[in-house]
Amino acid sequence: MTQETAASFGQRLGRVLRHWRSTKADARRAFPDATLEAVAQAITAGERTHRGEVRFIVEKALPADEIWDGVTNRQRALALFADYGVWDTEDNCGVLIYVNLADHKVDIVADRGIDRKIDTGTWQTVCRTMTDGFRRGDFHQAALAAVEQVNSLLREHFPADGERPNELPDHPIML
C-alpha cells in the first residue's frame, strides 16, 4: 500500500467513524424543536415575499456505504434535492439548504431558474454564515440568518407577484 493510498484509507476510515459516532441526540441538541419551528416560520414568512420555495434538511450522518464510497457533501445535497422534489416547482425556483452535522458542512442547491441569477460565490457566503455560527455553537441564530439571506436573495431576484400556492413543505427535515 502506497503512502497516498494509506492516507486516503485513513481519511475514509476517520470519516466513517465520525459519522458512526454522530447521534440523533447530537442532532437534537443542535436543532431542537424550537429551532426547527423558528426555521419553518422564517421560510413561511420569506416565501410570502418571493416566488422561491425553500427546503431545509439536517442530516446527522450519512449512511456508512455512502461515506465509504466517498460521497461528497455536494453529491448528497444534490441527491436530496432530487429525492425531496425541490426541483419540482412551477417556476424552477426551489432552493435546498443542506446541513451535514457529522462533516460540519453546509451546501445549497438551487434550481435552474435561480441558478441562472445567483452565483456560486453568493451561495458559499450563505453557507459560511451557517458554518461560522455552528463553530461557535450557535445553530439557532446561524440557521435563521442563513434562511434570511436566502429569502433576501430570492426577494431581490424573484419578488412575489401575487398569491401563489406553497409548493413544498416549509418545516425542516431531520434525517
Protein backbone atom coordinates (compact mmCIF):
# COMPACT_ATOMS: atom_id res chain seq x y z
CA MET A 1 0.00 0.00 0.00
CA THR A 2 1.43 3.34 -1.01
CA GLN A 3 1.62 6.22 1.41
CA GLU A 4 -1.06 8.06 -0.58
CA THR A 5 -3.39 5.02 -0.53
CA ALA A 6 -2.86 4.61 3.20
CA ALA A 7 -3.66 8.28 3.78
CA SER A 8 -6.83 8.01 1.67
CA PHE A 9 -7.87 4.86 3.57
CA GLY A 10 -7.21 6.62 6.88
CA GLN A 11 -9.31 9.62 5.83
CA ARG A 12 -12.18 7.37 4.79
CA LEU A 13 -12.00 5.39 7.99
CA GLY A 14 -11.90 8.60 10.05
CA ARG A 15 -14.95 9.91 8.21
CA VAL A 16 -16.83 6.63 8.72
CA LEU A 17 -16.07 6.75 12.45
CA ARG A 18 -17.09 10.42 12.74
CA HIS A 19 -20.42 9.66 11.08
CA TRP A 20 -20.91 6.48 13.07
CA ARG A 21 -20.43 8.40 16.34
CA SER A 22 -22.90 11.10 15.34
CA THR A 23 -26.19 10.52 17.15
CA LYS A 24 -29.77 11.69 16.92
CA ALA A 25 -29.28 13.25 20.35
CA ASP A 26 -26.41 15.36 18.94
CA ALA A 27 -28.66 16.49 16.10
CA ARG A 28 -31.49 17.34 18.51
CA ARG A 29 -29.15 19.38 20.70
CA ALA A 30 -28.03 21.36 17.65
CA PHE A 31 -31.54 21.65 16.20
CA PRO A 32 -34.16 21.34 18.96
CA ASP A 33 -37.85 21.66 18.17
CA ALA A 34 -37.80 25.40 18.92
CA THR A 35 -35.08 25.96 16.31
CA LEU A 36 -36.83 23.80 13.73
CA GLU A 37 -40.08 25.71 14.31
CA ALA A 38 -38.28 29.07 14.02
CA VAL A 39 -36.70 27.96 10.73
CA ALA A 40 -40.10 26.83 9.43
CA GLN A 41 -41.62 30.19 10.36
CA ALA A 42 -38.76 32.06 8.66
CA ILE A 43 -39.23 30.01 5.49
CA THR A 44 -43.00 30.59 5.52
CA ALA A 45 -42.60 34.34 6.07
CA GLY A 46 -39.95 34.59 3.37
CA GLU A 47 -41.98 32.68 0.81
CA ARG A 48 -44.73 35.29 1.13
CA THR A 49 -42.28 37.86 -0.26
CA HIS A 50 -40.77 35.92 -3.17
CA ARG A 51 -41.54 33.17 -5.67
CA GLY A 52 -38.93 30.73 -4.36
CA GLU A 53 -39.53 27.50 -2.46
CA VAL A 54 -37.03 26.78 0.32
CA ARG A 55 -36.32 23.38 1.91
CA PHE A 56 -34.03 22.92 4.91
CA ILE A 57 -32.62 19.45 5.59
CA VAL A 58 -30.38 18.49 8.51
CA GLU A 59 -28.64 15.12 8.43
CA LYS A 60 -26.81 13.84 11.47
CA ALA A 61 -24.67 11.48 9.41
CA LEU A 62 -24.51 9.78 6.05
CA PRO A 63 -25.17 6.06 5.67
CA ALA A 64 -21.89 4.12 6.06
CA ASP A 65 -21.84 2.84 2.46
CA GLU A 66 -22.09 6.39 1.10
CA ILE A 67 -19.25 7.54 3.33
CA TRP A 68 -17.06 4.63 2.33
CA ASP A 69 -17.86 5.27 -1.35
CA GLY A 70 -16.63 8.83 -0.90
CA VAL A 71 -19.95 10.59 -1.47
CA THR A 72 -19.27 14.30 -1.00
CA ASN A 73 -21.48 16.76 0.81
CA ARG A 74 -22.41 18.30 -2.56
CA GLN A 75 -23.32 14.93 -4.06
CA ARG A 76 -25.52 14.15 -1.07
CA ALA A 77 -27.20 17.57 -1.29
CA LEU A 78 -27.91 17.02 -5.00
CA ALA A 79 -29.41 13.58 -4.26
CA LEU A 80 -31.66 15.02 -1.53
CA PHE A 81 -32.63 17.90 -3.84
CA ALA A 82 -33.97 15.26 -6.22
CA ASP A 83 -35.36 12.88 -3.58
CA TYR A 84 -37.44 15.60 -1.93
CA GLY A 85 -38.62 17.13 -5.21
CA VAL A 86 -37.08 20.55 -4.60
CA TRP A 87 -36.57 20.78 -8.36
CA ASP A 88 -40.27 20.17 -8.99
CA THR A 89 -41.68 23.69 -8.72
CA GLU A 90 -43.64 25.59 -11.35
CA ASP A 91 -41.05 28.35 -11.77
CA ASN A 92 -37.96 26.13 -11.28
CA CYS A 93 -37.28 28.13 -8.13
CA GLY A 94 -36.53 25.58 -5.42
CA VAL A 95 -33.61 26.02 -3.02
CA LEU A 96 -32.27 23.35 -0.69
CA ILE A 97 -30.20 24.25 2.36
CA TYR A 98 -28.47 21.01 3.41
CA VAL A 99 -26.65 20.65 6.72
CA ASN A 100 -24.40 17.63 7.34
CA LEU A 101 -23.65 17.66 11.06
CA ALA A 102 -21.03 14.88 11.10
CA ASP A 103 -18.95 16.57 8.40
CA HIS A 104 -19.66 20.10 9.73
CA LYS A 105 -20.62 21.17 6.21
CA VAL A 106 -23.45 23.09 4.58
CA ASP A 107 -24.42 23.07 0.93
CA ILE A 108 -27.04 24.97 -1.02
CA VAL A 109 -28.55 23.63 -4.21
CA ALA A 110 -30.67 25.97 -6.32
CA ASP A 111 -32.93 25.00 -9.18
CA ARG A 112 -32.01 26.14 -12.69
CA GLY A 113 -34.32 29.17 -12.64
CA ILE A 114 -32.49 30.56 -9.63
CA ASP A 115 -29.05 29.25 -10.53
CA ARG A 116 -29.03 31.47 -13.62
CA LYS A 117 -29.26 34.62 -11.48
CA ILE A 118 -27.41 33.84 -8.23
CA ASP A 119 -23.79 32.74 -8.49
CA THR A 120 -21.97 30.05 -6.53
CA GLY A 121 -19.91 32.57 -4.56
CA THR A 122 -23.07 34.14 -3.17
CA TRP A 123 -24.36 30.74 -2.01
CA GLN A 124 -20.96 29.98 -0.45
CA THR A 125 -21.25 33.18 1.59
CA VAL A 126 -24.60 31.98 2.95
CA CYS A 127 -23.04 28.60 3.77
CA ARG A 128 -20.22 30.36 5.63
CA THR A 129 -22.79 32.26 7.71
CA MET A 130 -24.03 28.91 8.94
CA THR A 131 -20.71 27.13 9.41
CA ASP A 132 -19.22 30.12 11.26
CA GLY A 133 -22.22 30.18 13.60
CA PHE A 134 -22.12 26.41 14.04
CA ARG A 135 -18.44 26.63 15.00
CA ARG A 136 -19.47 28.99 17.80
CA GLY A 137 -22.23 26.57 18.83
CA ASP A 138 -24.96 28.99 17.75
CA PHE A 139 -27.01 26.73 15.50
CA HIS A 140 -30.27 28.60 16.07
CA GLN A 141 -29.16 32.09 15.03
CA ALA A 142 -26.87 30.83 12.26
CA ALA A 143 -29.69 28.84 10.66
CA LEU A 144 -32.10 31.77 10.89
CA ALA A 145 -29.51 34.19 9.49
CA ALA A 146 -28.89 31.89 6.52
CA VAL A 147 -32.60 31.45 5.82
CA GLU A 148 -32.99 35.23 5.92
CA GLN A 149 -30.08 35.64 3.49
CA VAL A 150 -31.70 33.13 1.12
CA ASN A 151 -35.07 34.90 1.45
CA SER A 152 -33.40 38.25 0.75
CA LEU A 153 -31.70 36.93 -2.39
CA LEU A 154 -34.94 35.41 -3.61
CA ARG A 155 -36.85 38.66 -2.88
CA GLU A 156 -34.30 40.56 -4.94
CA HIS A 157 -34.27 38.23 -7.94
CA PHE A 158 -37.73 36.60 -7.72
CA PRO A 159 -40.10 39.02 -5.98
CA ALA A 160 -43.63 37.89 -5.20
CA ASP A 161 -46.13 38.61 -7.93
CA GLY A 162 -49.37 37.91 -6.11
CA GLU A 163 -50.89 34.93 -4.35
CA ARG A 164 -49.48 31.53 -5.22
CA PRO A 165 -49.65 28.09 -3.67
CA ASN A 166 -46.99 26.80 -1.31
CA GLU A 167 -45.49 24.03 -3.43
CA LEU A 168 -43.12 22.46 -0.87
CA PRO A 169 -43.49 21.95 2.88
CA ASP A 170 -41.76 24.65 4.96
CA HIS A 171 -40.88 22.58 8.01
CA PRO A 172 -37.24 21.37 8.14
CA ILE A 173 -36.47 17.69 7.70
CA MET A 174 -34.24 15.85 10.18
CA LEU A 175 -32.56 12.74 8.77
